[in-house]
Structure formats: structure tokens, C-alpha cells
Amino acid sequence: ANLNKAMGREIAKMNKRVEMAGDVVHSAIKQRASLTDHPQWLLTALGSPYSTRYSTDYFPGGGHKDDSLVHIQSGTLYRNIEKVTDIGESKAQVAVGVRKGNVPHIDELMNGAPKVRPRPFIQRGFSESKEEVKTILGGGLGG
């Protein structure tokens, strides 16, 4: 009986850690998708920030060198970044991403197209949160 109680507590702790790790990744990916560097008038005047015209984003008077940044335009992408949690007795998993049907241009955004450079914001968000996820899953941060 004591072993069953201890196992139940440990499973609950691990499930909580997985949930926390998912929150960290979800937040990091949404942050990558929300970064806005260029005012709308500049985008209108100079064209799409996703153009293959330049190897990295470049606009006179500013810009950035990070190709994974995604510029907010309609907000559709940002609103459709979701976290799906599946926690049960024998497994705990969290997936963070964008449903293809909700954002039809997600493939072009992630992988690029003939005139559009890829924006790997999901991979970059995950990479940026990797160490914190490791800490959480290892039992840190309240685990």
C-alpha cells in the first residue's frame, strides 16, 4: 500500500513537470512568433520581410539578422500556436505547434518557398527553452 502511494505521488510529480515543461516551450514559441521589428508602414513601403531578395532581413535604418523571427501581421499564426497535453497513468506528453488547417501557409513559413525564406520559429523557440525544460524534467523548479 505504501509503495502504491509513493508511486502515485511520483507519477503526479512527473506529470506536473511535463506540464510545466510544455508551458515553457509554448511560451518560448509564442515569444518567437510575436517578435515585431518593423512598423507596418516600412513593410508596406519595402515589401515582405520574408522575401528571398536578401539573405537575412534588411531594411534601411534598421532590421535584424535573425531569420527565425516571425513578424506579426494578421495575428492568425500567434493565435493558433497551441499546446496539447496528454497525461495519464502510464504516459505524459505535451506537444506544441500549429495545426496545419488553422494556418494554411505554415509549411511555407517553416520551410520556405521559391520567393520566401524559411522561418524556423518553432525549432528556435524549443532550442531556447531546452535548458529550462531539462531542469524541470530533472526535478528542478519546484519539482
N, C-alpha and C. Protein backbone atom coordinates (compact mmCIF):
# COMPACT_ATOMS: atom_id res chain seq x y z
N ALA A 1 0.83 -1.20 0.00
CA ALA A 1 0.00 0.00 0.00
C ALA A 1 0.87 1.26 0.00
N ASN A 2 1.93 1.24 0.82
CA ASN A 2 2.82 2.40 0.87
C ASN A 2 3.54 2.60 -0.46
N LEU A 3 3.92 1.50 -1.08
CA LEU A 3 4.59 1.59 -2.38
C LEU A 3 3.65 2.18 -3.43
N ASN A 4 2.39 1.78 -3.42
CA ASN A 4 1.41 2.33 -4.36
C ASN A 4 1.22 3.83 -4.14
N LYS A 5 1.18 4.26 -2.88
CA LYS A 5 1.05 5.70 -2.58
C LYS A 5 2.26 6.46 -3.08
N ALA A 6 3.45 5.91 -2.82
CA ALA A 6 4.69 6.57 -3.25
C ALA A 6 4.74 6.66 -4.77
N MET A 7 4.35 5.58 -5.45
CA MET A 7 4.35 5.60 -6.92
C MET A 7 3.36 6.64 -7.44
N GLY A 8 2.20 6.71 -6.83
CA GLY A 8 1.20 7.70 -7.23
C GLY A 8 1.72 9.12 -7.08
N ARG A 9 2.42 9.38 -5.97
CA ARG A 9 2.99 10.73 -5.74
C ARG A 9 4.06 11.04 -6.79
N GLU A 10 4.90 10.07 -7.08
CA GLU A 10 5.97 10.28 -8.06
C GLU A 10 5.41 10.50 -9.46
N ILE A 11 4.38 9.74 -9.80
CA ILE A 11 3.73 9.93 -11.10
C ILE A 11 3.12 11.32 -11.18
N ALA A 12 2.46 11.75 -10.12
CA ALA A 12 1.86 13.09 -10.10
C ALA A 12 2.92 14.17 -10.23
N LYS A 13 4.07 14.00 -9.57
CA LYS A 13 5.17 14.97 -9.67
C LYS A 13 5.69 15.04 -11.11
N MET A 14 5.89 13.87 -11.72
CA MET A 14 6.42 13.85 -13.08
C MET A 14 5.41 14.45 -14.05
N ASN A 15 4.14 14.15 -13.87
CA ASN A 15 3.11 14.74 -14.72
C ASN A 15 3.14 16.26 -14.61
N LYS A 16 3.30 16.76 -13.40
CA LYS A 16 3.37 18.21 -13.19
C LYS A 16 4.60 18.79 -13.89
N ARG A 17 5.72 18.07 -13.82
CA ARG A 17 6.94 18.54 -14.50
C ARG A 17 6.74 18.60 -16.01
N VAL A 18 6.10 17.58 -16.57
CA VAL A 18 5.85 17.55 -18.02
C VAL A 18 4.95 18.73 -18.39
N GLU A 19 3.92 18.97 -17.61
CA GLU A 19 3.01 20.10 -17.86
C GLU A 19 3.78 21.43 -17.80
N MET A 20 4.64 21.59 -16.80
CA MET A 20 5.44 22.82 -16.68
C MET A 20 6.39 22.98 -17.88
N ALA A 21 7.02 21.89 -18.27
CA ALA A 21 7.94 21.94 -19.42
C ALA A 21 7.19 22.35 -20.68
N GLY A 22 5.99 21.82 -20.85
CA GLY A 22 5.17 22.20 -22.00
C GLY A 22 4.82 23.68 -21.98
N ASP A 23 4.53 24.21 -20.79
CA ASP A 23 4.25 25.64 -20.67
C ASP A 23 5.44 26.49 -21.07
N VAL A 24 6.64 26.05 -20.69
CA VAL A 24 7.86 26.79 -21.02
C VAL A 24 8.07 26.80 -22.54
N VAL A 25 7.94 25.65 -23.18
CA VAL A 25 8.13 25.56 -24.64
C VAL A 25 7.05 26.38 -25.35
N HIS A 26 5.81 26.25 -24.93
CA HIS A 26 4.70 27.00 -25.53
C HIS A 26 4.97 28.50 -25.46
N SER A 27 5.39 28.95 -24.30
CA SER A 27 5.68 30.38 -24.12
C SER A 27 6.84 30.83 -25.01
N ALA A 28 7.89 30.02 -25.10
CA ALA A 28 9.06 30.39 -25.92
C ALA A 28 8.69 30.46 -27.40
N ILE A 29 7.88 29.53 -27.87
CA ILE A 29 7.49 29.53 -29.28
C ILE A 29 6.58 30.72 -29.58
N LYS A 30 5.66 31.01 -28.68
CA LYS A 30 4.79 32.17 -28.88
C LYS A 30 5.62 33.46 -28.87
N GLN A 31 6.64 33.52 -28.02
CA GLN A 31 7.51 34.69 -27.99
C GLN A 31 8.22 34.87 -29.31
N ARG A 32 8.75 33.77 -29.89
CA ARG A 32 9.43 33.85 -31.18
C ARG A 32 8.48 34.35 -32.26
N ALA A 33 7.22 33.90 -32.21
CA ALA A 33 6.25 34.30 -33.22
C ALA A 33 5.75 35.71 -33.01
N SER A 34 5.92 36.26 -31.83
CA SER A 34 5.36 37.58 -31.54
C SER A 34 6.35 38.72 -31.75
N LEU A 35 7.61 38.40 -31.96
CA LEU A 35 8.61 39.45 -32.10
C LEU A 35 8.33 40.29 -33.34
N THR A 36 8.27 41.58 -33.14
CA THR A 36 7.98 42.50 -34.24
C THR A 36 9.07 43.55 -34.28
N ASP A 37 9.74 43.66 -35.39
CA ASP A 37 10.81 44.63 -35.53
C ASP A 37 10.46 45.79 -36.44
N HIS A 38 9.59 45.58 -37.37
CA HIS A 38 9.39 46.56 -38.41
C HIS A 38 7.98 47.12 -38.38
N PRO A 39 7.83 48.42 -38.38
CA PRO A 39 6.49 49.00 -38.41
C PRO A 39 5.79 48.69 -39.73
N GLN A 40 4.48 48.64 -39.69
CA GLN A 40 3.70 48.27 -40.88
C GLN A 40 4.00 49.18 -42.07
N TRP A 41 4.20 50.49 -41.85
CA TRP A 41 4.46 51.39 -42.98
C TRP A 41 5.75 50.99 -43.70
N LEU A 42 6.74 50.50 -42.93
CA LEU A 42 8.01 50.10 -43.54
C LEU A 42 7.82 48.82 -44.36
N LEU A 43 7.04 47.88 -43.81
CA LEU A 43 6.76 46.65 -44.54
C LEU A 43 6.02 46.94 -45.84
N THR A 44 5.09 47.87 -45.78
CA THR A 44 4.32 48.25 -46.96
C THR A 44 5.22 48.90 -48.00
N ALA A 45 6.12 49.77 -47.55
CA ALA A 45 6.99 50.50 -48.46
C ALA A 45 8.04 49.61 -49.11
N LEU A 46 8.58 48.66 -48.33
CA LEU A 46 9.71 47.88 -48.83
C LEU A 46 9.38 46.45 -49.23
N GLY A 47 8.21 45.98 -48.89
CA GLY A 47 7.84 44.61 -49.26
C GLY A 47 7.90 43.67 -48.08
N SER A 48 7.64 42.42 -48.38
CA SER A 48 7.56 41.39 -47.35
C SER A 48 8.89 41.15 -46.65
N PRO A 49 8.86 40.98 -45.33
CA PRO A 49 10.10 40.66 -44.62
C PRO A 49 10.56 39.24 -44.89
N TYR A 50 9.72 38.42 -45.53
CA TYR A 50 10.07 37.03 -45.81
C TYR A 50 10.71 36.84 -47.17
N SER A 51 10.91 37.89 -47.91
CA SER A 51 11.41 37.81 -49.28
C SER A 51 12.80 37.17 -49.33
N THR A 52 13.05 36.43 -50.41
CA THR A 52 14.39 35.87 -50.61
C THR A 52 15.33 36.91 -51.24
N ARG A 53 14.83 38.10 -51.41
CA ARG A 53 15.64 39.14 -52.02
C ARG A 53 16.95 39.37 -51.26
N TYR A 54 16.88 39.26 -49.94
CA TYR A 54 18.07 39.40 -49.09
C TYR A 54 18.30 38.09 -48.35
N SER A 55 19.55 37.80 -48.02
CA SER A 55 19.84 36.56 -47.31
C SER A 55 19.35 36.61 -45.87
N THR A 56 19.27 37.79 -45.29
CA THR A 56 18.67 37.98 -43.97
C THR A 56 17.82 39.24 -44.05
N ASP A 57 16.99 39.45 -43.04
CA ASP A 57 16.18 40.66 -43.06
C ASP A 57 17.07 41.88 -43.09
N TYR A 58 16.76 42.78 -43.98
CA TYR A 58 17.49 44.02 -44.03
C TYR A 58 16.55 45.12 -44.51
N PHE A 59 16.48 46.15 -43.76
CA PHE A 59 15.72 47.32 -44.16
C PHE A 59 16.58 48.53 -43.84
N PRO A 60 16.63 49.53 -44.72
CA PRO A 60 17.42 50.72 -44.43
C PRO A 60 17.03 51.31 -43.08
N GLY A 61 18.04 51.64 -42.30
CA GLY A 61 17.79 52.26 -40.99
C GLY A 61 17.51 51.25 -39.90
N GLY A 62 17.68 49.98 -40.15
CA GLY A 62 17.45 49.00 -39.09
C GLY A 62 17.21 47.63 -39.64
N GLY A 63 16.72 46.79 -38.80
CA GLY A 63 16.47 45.41 -39.18
C GLY A 63 17.17 44.48 -38.21
N HIS A 64 17.09 43.22 -38.47
CA HIS A 64 17.73 42.26 -37.60
C HIS A 64 18.35 41.17 -38.45
N LYS A 65 19.17 40.38 -37.83
CA LYS A 65 19.90 39.33 -38.54
C LYS A 65 19.37 37.94 -38.22
N ASP A 66 18.21 37.85 -37.56
CA ASP A 66 17.69 36.56 -37.11
C ASP A 66 16.56 36.10 -38.01
N ASP A 67 16.83 35.11 -38.85
CA ASP A 67 15.84 34.64 -39.81
C ASP A 67 14.69 33.86 -39.19
N SER A 68 14.77 33.53 -37.90
CA SER A 68 13.67 32.76 -37.32
C SER A 68 12.56 33.67 -36.79
N LEU A 69 12.79 34.97 -36.79
CA LEU A 69 11.75 35.87 -36.31
C LEU A 69 10.56 35.84 -37.25
N VAL A 70 9.40 35.89 -36.67
CA VAL A 70 8.16 35.91 -37.45
C VAL A 70 7.48 37.23 -37.14
N HIS A 71 7.13 37.96 -38.15
CA HIS A 71 6.52 39.28 -37.96
C HIS A 71 5.02 39.14 -37.82
N ILE A 72 4.46 39.79 -36.82
CA ILE A 72 3.01 39.77 -36.66
C ILE A 72 2.42 40.63 -37.77
N GLN A 73 1.48 40.07 -38.47
CA GLN A 73 0.74 40.85 -39.45
C GLN A 73 -0.75 40.69 -39.18
N SER A 74 -1.28 39.49 -39.28
CA SER A 74 -2.71 39.31 -39.03
C SER A 74 -2.97 38.77 -37.63
N GLY A 75 -1.99 38.15 -37.00
CA GLY A 75 -2.18 37.54 -35.69
C GLY A 75 -2.69 36.11 -35.77
N THR A 76 -2.98 35.62 -36.98
CA THR A 76 -3.51 34.26 -37.14
C THR A 76 -2.53 33.22 -36.62
N LEU A 77 -1.27 33.34 -36.98
CA LEU A 77 -0.27 32.38 -36.54
C LEU A 77 -0.17 32.38 -35.02
N TYR A 78 -0.01 33.54 -34.43
CA TYR A 78 0.15 33.66 -32.98
C TYR A 78 -1.03 33.02 -32.25
N ARG A 79 -2.24 33.30 -32.70
CA ARG A 79 -3.44 32.76 -32.05
C ARG A 79 -3.55 31.25 -32.19
N ASN A 80 -2.90 30.67 -33.18
CA ASN A 80 -3.04 29.25 -33.43
C ASN A 80 -1.87 28.40 -32.95
N ILE A 81 -0.96 28.98 -32.21
CA ILE A 81 0.09 28.19 -31.58
C ILE A 81 -0.54 27.57 -30.34
N GLU A 82 -0.53 26.25 -30.29
CA GLU A 82 -1.24 25.61 -29.20
C GLU A 82 -0.40 24.54 -28.53
N LYS A 83 -0.78 24.25 -27.31
CA LYS A 83 -0.16 23.20 -26.50
C LYS A 83 -1.22 22.14 -26.26
N VAL A 84 -0.89 20.89 -26.57
CA VAL A 84 -1.80 19.78 -26.34
C VAL A 84 -1.14 18.85 -25.33
N THR A 85 -1.84 18.59 -24.24
CA THR A 85 -1.30 17.77 -23.16
C THR A 85 -2.05 16.44 -23.10
N ASP A 86 -1.30 15.35 -22.99
CA ASP A 86 -1.90 14.02 -22.84
C ASP A 86 -1.21 13.37 -21.64
N ILE A 87 -1.87 13.45 -20.49
CA ILE A 87 -1.29 12.92 -19.26
C ILE A 87 -2.21 11.84 -18.73
N GLY A 88 -1.63 10.68 -18.51
CA GLY A 88 -2.39 9.55 -17.98
C GLY A 88 -1.57 8.80 -16.95
N GLU A 89 -2.03 7.63 -16.59
CA GLU A 89 -1.34 6.81 -15.58
C GLU A 89 0.02 6.32 -16.06
N SER A 90 0.11 5.97 -17.34
CA SER A 90 1.35 5.36 -17.83
C SER A 90 2.13 6.22 -18.80
N LYS A 91 1.60 7.39 -19.15
CA LYS A 91 2.36 8.26 -20.05
C LYS A 91 2.00 9.72 -19.79
N ALA A 92 2.94 10.56 -20.12
CA ALA A 92 2.72 12.01 -20.02
C ALA A 92 3.46 12.64 -21.17
N GLN A 93 2.73 13.36 -22.02
CA GLN A 93 3.38 14.03 -23.14
C GLN A 93 2.69 15.34 -23.45
N VAL A 94 3.48 16.25 -23.98
CA VAL A 94 2.99 17.57 -24.37
C VAL A 94 3.51 17.85 -25.76
N ALA A 95 2.65 18.35 -26.63
CA ALA A 95 3.05 18.75 -27.98
C ALA A 95 2.71 20.23 -28.15
N VAL A 96 3.64 20.96 -28.74
CA VAL A 96 3.41 22.38 -29.01
C VAL A 96 3.62 22.59 -30.50
N GLY A 97 2.69 23.29 -31.12
CA GLY A 97 2.82 23.53 -32.55
C GLY A 97 1.62 24.28 -33.10
N VAL A 98 1.48 24.20 -34.41
CA VAL A 98 0.41 24.88 -35.13
C VAL A 98 -0.28 23.84 -36.00
N ARG A 99 -1.60 23.76 -35.90
CA ARG A 99 -2.36 22.85 -36.76
C ARG A 99 -2.35 23.40 -38.17
N LYS A 100 -1.97 22.58 -39.10
CA LYS A 100 -1.84 23.00 -40.50
C LYS A 100 -3.12 23.60 -41.05
N GLY A 101 -4.26 23.04 -40.72
CA GLY A 101 -5.53 23.55 -41.24
C GLY A 101 -5.87 24.94 -40.73
N ASN A 102 -5.36 25.29 -39.55
CA ASN A 102 -5.65 26.61 -38.98
C ASN A 102 -4.79 27.71 -39.59
N VAL A 103 -3.62 27.36 -40.06
CA VAL A 103 -2.70 28.32 -40.68
C VAL A 103 -2.21 27.69 -41.98
N PRO A 104 -2.97 27.88 -43.07
CA PRO A 104 -2.65 27.19 -44.33
C PRO A 104 -1.23 27.43 -44.84
N HIS A 105 -0.65 28.55 -44.54
CA HIS A 105 0.69 28.86 -45.06
C HIS A 105 1.80 28.42 -44.11
N ILE A 106 1.51 27.58 -43.13
CA ILE A 106 2.53 27.19 -42.15
C ILE A 106 3.71 26.47 -42.80
N ASP A 107 3.47 25.62 -43.80
CA ASP A 107 4.58 24.93 -44.47
C ASP A 107 5.53 25.92 -45.13
N GLU A 108 4.98 26.91 -45.84
CA GLU A 108 5.82 27.91 -46.49
C GLU A 108 6.58 28.74 -45.46
N LEU A 109 5.93 29.03 -44.34
CA LEU A 109 6.59 29.80 -43.29
C LEU A 109 7.74 29.02 -42.67
N MET A 110 7.49 27.77 -42.35
CA MET A 110 8.51 26.95 -41.69
C MET A 110 9.62 26.50 -42.64
N ASN A 111 9.24 26.13 -43.87
CA ASN A 111 10.21 25.52 -44.79
C ASN A 111 10.66 26.42 -45.93
N GLY A 112 10.00 27.55 -46.09
CA GLY A 112 10.33 28.44 -47.19
C GLY A 112 9.58 28.06 -48.46
N ALA A 113 9.69 28.88 -49.44
CA ALA A 113 9.06 28.68 -50.76
C ALA A 113 9.97 29.36 -51.78
N PRO A 114 9.65 29.28 -53.06
CA PRO A 114 10.55 29.86 -54.06
C PRO A 114 10.97 31.31 -53.78
N LYS A 115 10.08 32.14 -53.29
CA LYS A 115 10.45 33.54 -53.03
C LYS A 115 10.39 33.90 -51.55
N VAL A 116 10.36 32.89 -50.69
CA VAL A 116 10.22 33.13 -49.25
C VAL A 116 11.25 32.31 -48.49
N ARG A 117 12.02 32.98 -47.63
CA ARG A 117 12.98 32.28 -46.78
C ARG A 117 12.25 31.56 -45.65
N PRO A 118 12.75 30.42 -45.20
CA PRO A 118 12.11 29.73 -44.07
C PRO A 118 12.28 30.51 -42.77
N ARG A 119 11.30 30.37 -41.88
CA ARG A 119 11.32 30.98 -40.54
C ARG A 119 11.14 29.87 -39.52
N PRO A 120 12.21 29.25 -39.06
CA PRO A 120 12.09 28.11 -38.14
C PRO A 120 11.82 28.53 -36.69
N PHE A 121 10.72 29.26 -36.47
CA PHE A 121 10.46 29.82 -35.14
C PHE A 121 10.14 28.74 -34.11
N ILE A 122 9.55 27.63 -34.52
CA ILE A 122 9.25 26.56 -33.55
C ILE A 122 10.55 25.92 -33.07
N GLN A 123 11.43 25.58 -34.00
CA GLN A 123 12.71 24.98 -33.62
C GLN A 123 13.51 25.93 -32.74
N ARG A 124 13.54 27.21 -33.11
CA ARG A 124 14.31 28.18 -32.33
C ARG A 124 13.72 28.35 -30.93
N GLY A 125 12.38 28.41 -30.83
CA GLY A 125 11.73 28.52 -29.52
C GLY A 125 12.03 27.32 -28.64
N PHE A 126 12.00 26.12 -29.25
CA PHE A 126 12.32 24.93 -28.49
C PHE A 126 13.78 24.95 -28.05
N SER A 127 14.68 25.31 -28.95
CA SER A 127 16.11 25.37 -28.60
C SER A 127 16.37 26.34 -27.46
N GLU A 128 15.69 27.47 -27.50
CA GLU A 128 15.90 28.48 -26.46
C GLU A 128 15.35 28.04 -25.10
N SER A 129 14.41 27.13 -25.09
CA SER A 129 13.82 26.68 -23.82
C SER A 129 14.38 25.33 -23.36
N LYS A 130 15.27 24.75 -24.13
CA LYS A 130 15.76 23.40 -23.88
C LYS A 130 16.39 23.23 -22.48
N GLU A 131 17.24 24.13 -22.08
CA GLU A 131 17.91 24.00 -20.78
C GLU A 131 16.92 24.10 -19.63
N GLU A 132 15.94 25.01 -19.74
CA GLU A 132 14.93 25.12 -18.70
C GLU A 132 14.07 23.87 -18.65
N VAL A 133 13.75 23.30 -19.79
CA VAL A 133 12.97 22.05 -19.84
C VAL A 133 13.76 20.93 -19.17
N LYS A 134 15.05 20.83 -19.46
CA LYS A 134 15.89 19.81 -18.84
C LYS A 134 15.88 19.95 -17.32
N THR A 135 15.99 21.19 -16.84
CA THR A 135 15.97 21.44 -15.40
C THR A 135 14.64 21.01 -14.79
N ILE A 136 13.55 21.36 -15.44
CA ILE A 136 12.22 21.00 -14.93
C ILE A 136 12.05 19.49 -14.91
N LEU A 137 12.36 18.82 -16.00
CA LEU A 137 12.18 17.38 -16.08
C LEU A 137 13.13 16.63 -15.15
N GLY A 138 14.25 17.26 -14.83
CA GLY A 138 15.20 16.66 -13.89
C GLY A 138 14.79 16.85 -12.44
N GLY A 139 13.71 17.53 -12.21
CA GLY A 139 13.22 17.69 -10.84
C GLY A 139 13.43 19.07 -10.26
N GLY A 140 13.96 20.00 -11.03
CA GLY A 140 14.19 21.35 -10.52
C GLY A 140 12.94 22.22 -10.62
N LEU A 141 13.06 23.43 -10.19
CA LEU A 141 11.99 24.43 -10.24
C LEU A 141 10.68 23.93 -9.61
N GLY A 142 10.77 23.51 -8.38
CA GLY A 142 9.57 23.12 -7.66
C GLY A 142 9.16 21.69 -7.87
N GLY A 143 10.01 20.89 -8.55
CA GLY A 143 9.65 19.51 -8.83
C GLY A 143 9.85 18.64 -7.65
